[in-house]
């Protein structure tokens, strides 16, 4: 004797509702995940780990470049901002236009020793802090900061809009991105 399954309308409706609910949930998860990938969460453990490893392997190069930025700041005591890229070192004095010049061969070699750094920034408003900015994997953007003694890195990061921090060697910190574009522009201008 064979048994036949009778398809009751209630069973069909129940299975249909379960399948629809599952599809709806999967769709929402996919949409949220894609938004997270596109806009960034503000914290990417893999990216933090990679930057920390690069910093650990080349800490002497970061320290040397930070020392060079201190020299530039001492040579330009009225500078509002100093930006050093592979091609240019630009200084903006208070009330004046930015003046740029090509880096010396020593400066260029020092800069090239830094892994994947897009620019180095020192600003009067961020007293005695040097920022090594990484934009190559945009979004999000990350920064390694040289900090003077006594700086509360978490409070500084929160005040400037950075979403995450990680301490590196004493005097150095890794800052997660500033998700608000207006705050990011304010930070670097």
Protein backbone atom coordinates (compact mmCIF):
# COMPACT_ATOMS: atom_id res chain seq x y z
CA UNK A 1 0.00 0.00 0.00
CA UNK A 2 1.38 3.37 -0.98
CA UNK A 3 0.83 6.47 1.01
CA UNK A 4 0.13 9.67 -0.80
CA UNK A 5 0.80 13.02 0.75
CA UNK A 6 -2.12 15.23 0.60
CA UNK A 7 -1.23 18.85 0.05
CA UNK A 8 -3.36 20.82 2.35
CA UNK A 9 -3.77 24.56 1.72
CA UNK A 10 -2.63 25.32 5.28
CA UNK A 11 0.62 23.39 4.82
CA UNK A 12 1.28 25.12 1.47
CA UNK A 13 0.58 28.52 2.99
CA UNK A 14 2.85 27.81 5.97
CA UNK A 15 5.75 26.65 3.77
CA UNK A 16 5.24 29.64 1.47
CA UNK A 17 5.34 32.06 4.41
CA UNK A 18 8.51 30.47 5.78
CA UNK A 19 10.20 30.66 2.37
CA UNK A 20 9.13 34.30 1.89
CA UNK A 21 10.30 35.27 5.38
CA UNK A 22 13.66 33.61 4.75
CA UNK A 23 14.07 35.36 1.39
CA UNK A 24 13.09 38.72 2.92
CA UNK A 25 15.62 38.28 5.74
CA UNK A 26 18.36 37.22 3.31
CA UNK A 27 17.63 40.25 1.11
CA UNK A 28 17.89 42.62 4.10
CA UNK A 29 21.17 41.06 5.24
CA UNK A 30 22.58 41.35 1.70
CA UNK A 31 21.54 45.02 1.42
CA UNK A 32 23.00 45.93 4.81
CA UNK A 33 26.21 44.03 4.06
CA UNK A 34 26.63 45.78 0.71
CA UNK A 35 26.07 49.19 2.32
CA UNK A 36 28.64 48.32 4.96
CA UNK A 37 31.17 47.32 2.30
CA UNK A 38 30.52 50.46 0.24
CA UNK A 39 30.47 53.05 3.02
CA UNK A 40 32.72 51.30 5.52
CA UNK A 41 32.02 50.58 9.14
CA UNK A 42 34.67 52.83 10.54
CA UNK A 43 36.67 49.88 11.77
CA UNK A 44 38.29 47.17 9.74
CA UNK A 45 40.33 44.75 11.86
CA UNK A 46 42.24 43.45 8.84
CA UNK A 47 43.22 46.95 7.74
CA UNK A 48 44.23 47.92 11.29
CA UNK A 49 46.30 44.72 11.55
CA UNK A 50 47.99 45.38 8.19
CA UNK A 51 48.86 48.97 9.08
CA UNK A 52 50.09 47.96 12.52
CA UNK A 53 52.33 45.29 10.97
CA UNK A 54 53.71 47.77 8.43
CA UNK A 55 54.34 50.27 11.22
CA UNK A 56 56.11 47.65 13.37
CA UNK A 57 58.36 46.68 10.46
CA UNK A 58 59.28 50.26 9.54
CA UNK A 59 58.99 52.17 12.81
CA UNK A 60 62.42 53.75 12.32
CA UNK A 61 61.27 55.22 8.99
CA UNK A 62 58.17 56.70 10.65
CA UNK A 63 60.30 58.18 13.44
CA UNK A 64 62.75 59.65 10.93
CA UNK A 65 59.94 61.22 8.87
CA UNK A 66 58.32 62.60 12.03
CA UNK A 67 61.65 64.19 12.97
CA UNK A 68 61.84 65.77 9.52
CA UNK A 69 58.34 67.21 9.97
CA UNK A 70 59.47 68.73 13.30
CA UNK A 71 62.40 70.34 11.44
CA UNK A 72 60.03 71.74 8.83
CA UNK A 73 57.74 73.07 11.57
CA UNK A 74 60.70 74.73 13.30
CA UNK A 75 61.78 76.30 10.00
CA UNK A 76 58.23 77.63 9.50
CA UNK A 77 57.07 78.72 12.96
CA UNK A 78 53.98 80.52 11.58
CA UNK A 79 52.81 77.61 9.43
CA UNK A 80 49.17 76.65 9.77
CA UNK A 81 49.75 73.43 7.90
CA UNK A 82 52.61 71.46 6.35
CA UNK A 83 51.82 68.66 3.91
CA UNK A 84 54.46 66.29 2.58
CA UNK A 85 53.68 64.00 -0.35
CA UNK A 86 55.96 62.06 -2.63
CA UNK A 87 56.02 64.94 -5.12
CA UNK A 88 55.71 68.05 -2.91
CA UNK A 89 56.30 69.61 0.47
CA UNK A 90 53.74 72.37 0.89
CA UNK A 91 53.65 74.98 3.64
CA UNK A 92 50.74 77.31 4.33
CA UNK A 93 51.68 80.18 6.61
CA UNK A 94 49.01 82.09 8.49
CA UNK A 95 47.20 84.46 6.12
CA UNK A 96 49.23 83.40 3.07
CA UNK A 97 48.80 81.08 0.13
CA UNK A 98 50.30 77.62 0.24
CA UNK A 99 53.87 77.43 -1.11
CA UNK A 100 55.09 74.10 -2.48
CA UNK A 101 58.50 72.85 -3.47
CA UNK A 102 59.93 69.54 -4.59
CA UNK A 103 61.40 67.38 -1.82
CA UNK A 104 65.15 66.93 -1.67
CA UNK A 105 66.52 63.54 -2.73
CA UNK A 106 67.00 62.70 0.97
CA UNK A 107 63.40 63.70 1.73
CA UNK A 108 62.15 61.64 -1.19
CA UNK A 109 64.11 58.57 -0.05
CA UNK A 110 62.81 59.04 3.49
CA UNK A 111 59.23 59.30 2.22
CA UNK A 112 59.55 56.22 0.00
CA UNK A 113 60.70 54.17 3.02
CA UNK A 114 57.19 54.61 4.47
CA UNK A 115 54.82 51.84 3.38
CA UNK A 116 51.78 53.02 1.42
CA UNK A 117 51.68 56.51 2.97
CA UNK A 118 49.74 58.99 0.83
CA UNK A 119 50.67 62.14 2.74
CA UNK A 120 52.15 63.39 5.99
CA UNK A 121 50.42 66.31 7.68
CA UNK A 122 51.38 68.60 10.54
CA UNK A 123 48.99 71.39 11.53
CA UNK A 124 49.16 74.20 14.09
CA UNK A 125 45.68 73.30 15.37
CA UNK A 126 46.87 69.77 16.25
CA UNK A 127 49.88 70.92 18.25
CA UNK A 128 52.91 68.68 17.97
CA UNK A 129 51.05 65.87 16.25
CA UNK A 130 52.18 64.42 12.94
CA UNK A 131 49.70 62.42 10.85
CA UNK A 132 50.61 59.76 8.30
CA UNK A 133 47.51 59.39 6.11
CA UNK A 134 46.59 56.27 4.13
CA UNK A 135 44.01 56.84 1.39
CA UNK A 136 45.01 54.10 -1.04
CA UNK A 137 42.16 51.78 -0.11
CA UNK A 138 39.38 54.35 -0.04
CA UNK A 139 36.94 54.02 1.69
CA UNK A 140 37.63 54.10 4.57
CA UNK A 141 40.72 56.18 5.32
CA UNK A 142 43.15 55.47 8.14
CA UNK A 143 45.87 57.50 9.86
CA UNK A 144 48.92 56.77 11.98
CA UNK A 145 49.50 59.63 14.42
CA UNK A 146 52.61 60.58 16.35
CA UNK A 147 51.37 61.93 19.66
CA UNK A 148 53.13 63.97 22.30
CA UNK A 149 53.32 62.61 25.83
CA UNK A 150 50.19 63.01 27.91
CA UNK A 151 47.75 62.92 25.00
CA UNK A 152 44.53 61.03 25.62
CA UNK A 153 44.28 59.39 22.19
CA UNK A 154 40.68 58.20 22.61
CA UNK A 155 39.47 61.67 23.65
CA UNK A 156 41.43 63.30 20.80
CA UNK A 157 40.01 60.83 18.26
CA UNK A 158 36.46 61.30 19.52
CA UNK A 159 36.81 65.09 19.44
CA UNK A 160 38.02 64.99 15.81
CA UNK A 161 35.45 62.44 14.66
CA UNK A 162 37.71 59.40 14.21
CA UNK A 163 35.66 56.25 14.83
CA UNK A 164 38.34 53.97 16.22
CA UNK A 165 41.82 53.92 17.71
CA UNK A 166 44.56 51.43 18.43
CA UNK A 167 47.69 52.13 20.42
CA UNK A 168 50.94 51.25 18.72
CA UNK A 169 54.34 51.83 20.28
CA UNK A 170 54.47 54.53 22.98
CA UNK A 171 53.91 57.87 21.27
CA UNK A 172 52.13 56.37 18.26
CA UNK A 173 48.48 55.55 17.56
CA UNK A 174 46.41 54.24 14.68
CA UNK A 175 43.18 56.15 14.01
CA UNK A 176 40.19 54.77 12.16
CA UNK A 177 38.38 56.84 9.58
CA UNK A 178 36.30 59.96 10.03
CA UNK A 179 32.98 58.84 8.52
CA UNK A 180 31.52 62.35 8.23
CA UNK A 181 32.99 63.90 5.08
CA UNK A 182 32.54 67.47 6.37
CA UNK A 183 34.40 66.66 9.59
CA UNK A 184 37.14 64.94 7.61
CA UNK A 185 37.55 67.98 5.36
CA UNK A 186 37.65 70.24 8.46
CA UNK A 187 40.32 68.04 10.02
CA UNK A 188 42.72 68.23 7.09
CA UNK A 189 42.18 71.87 6.00
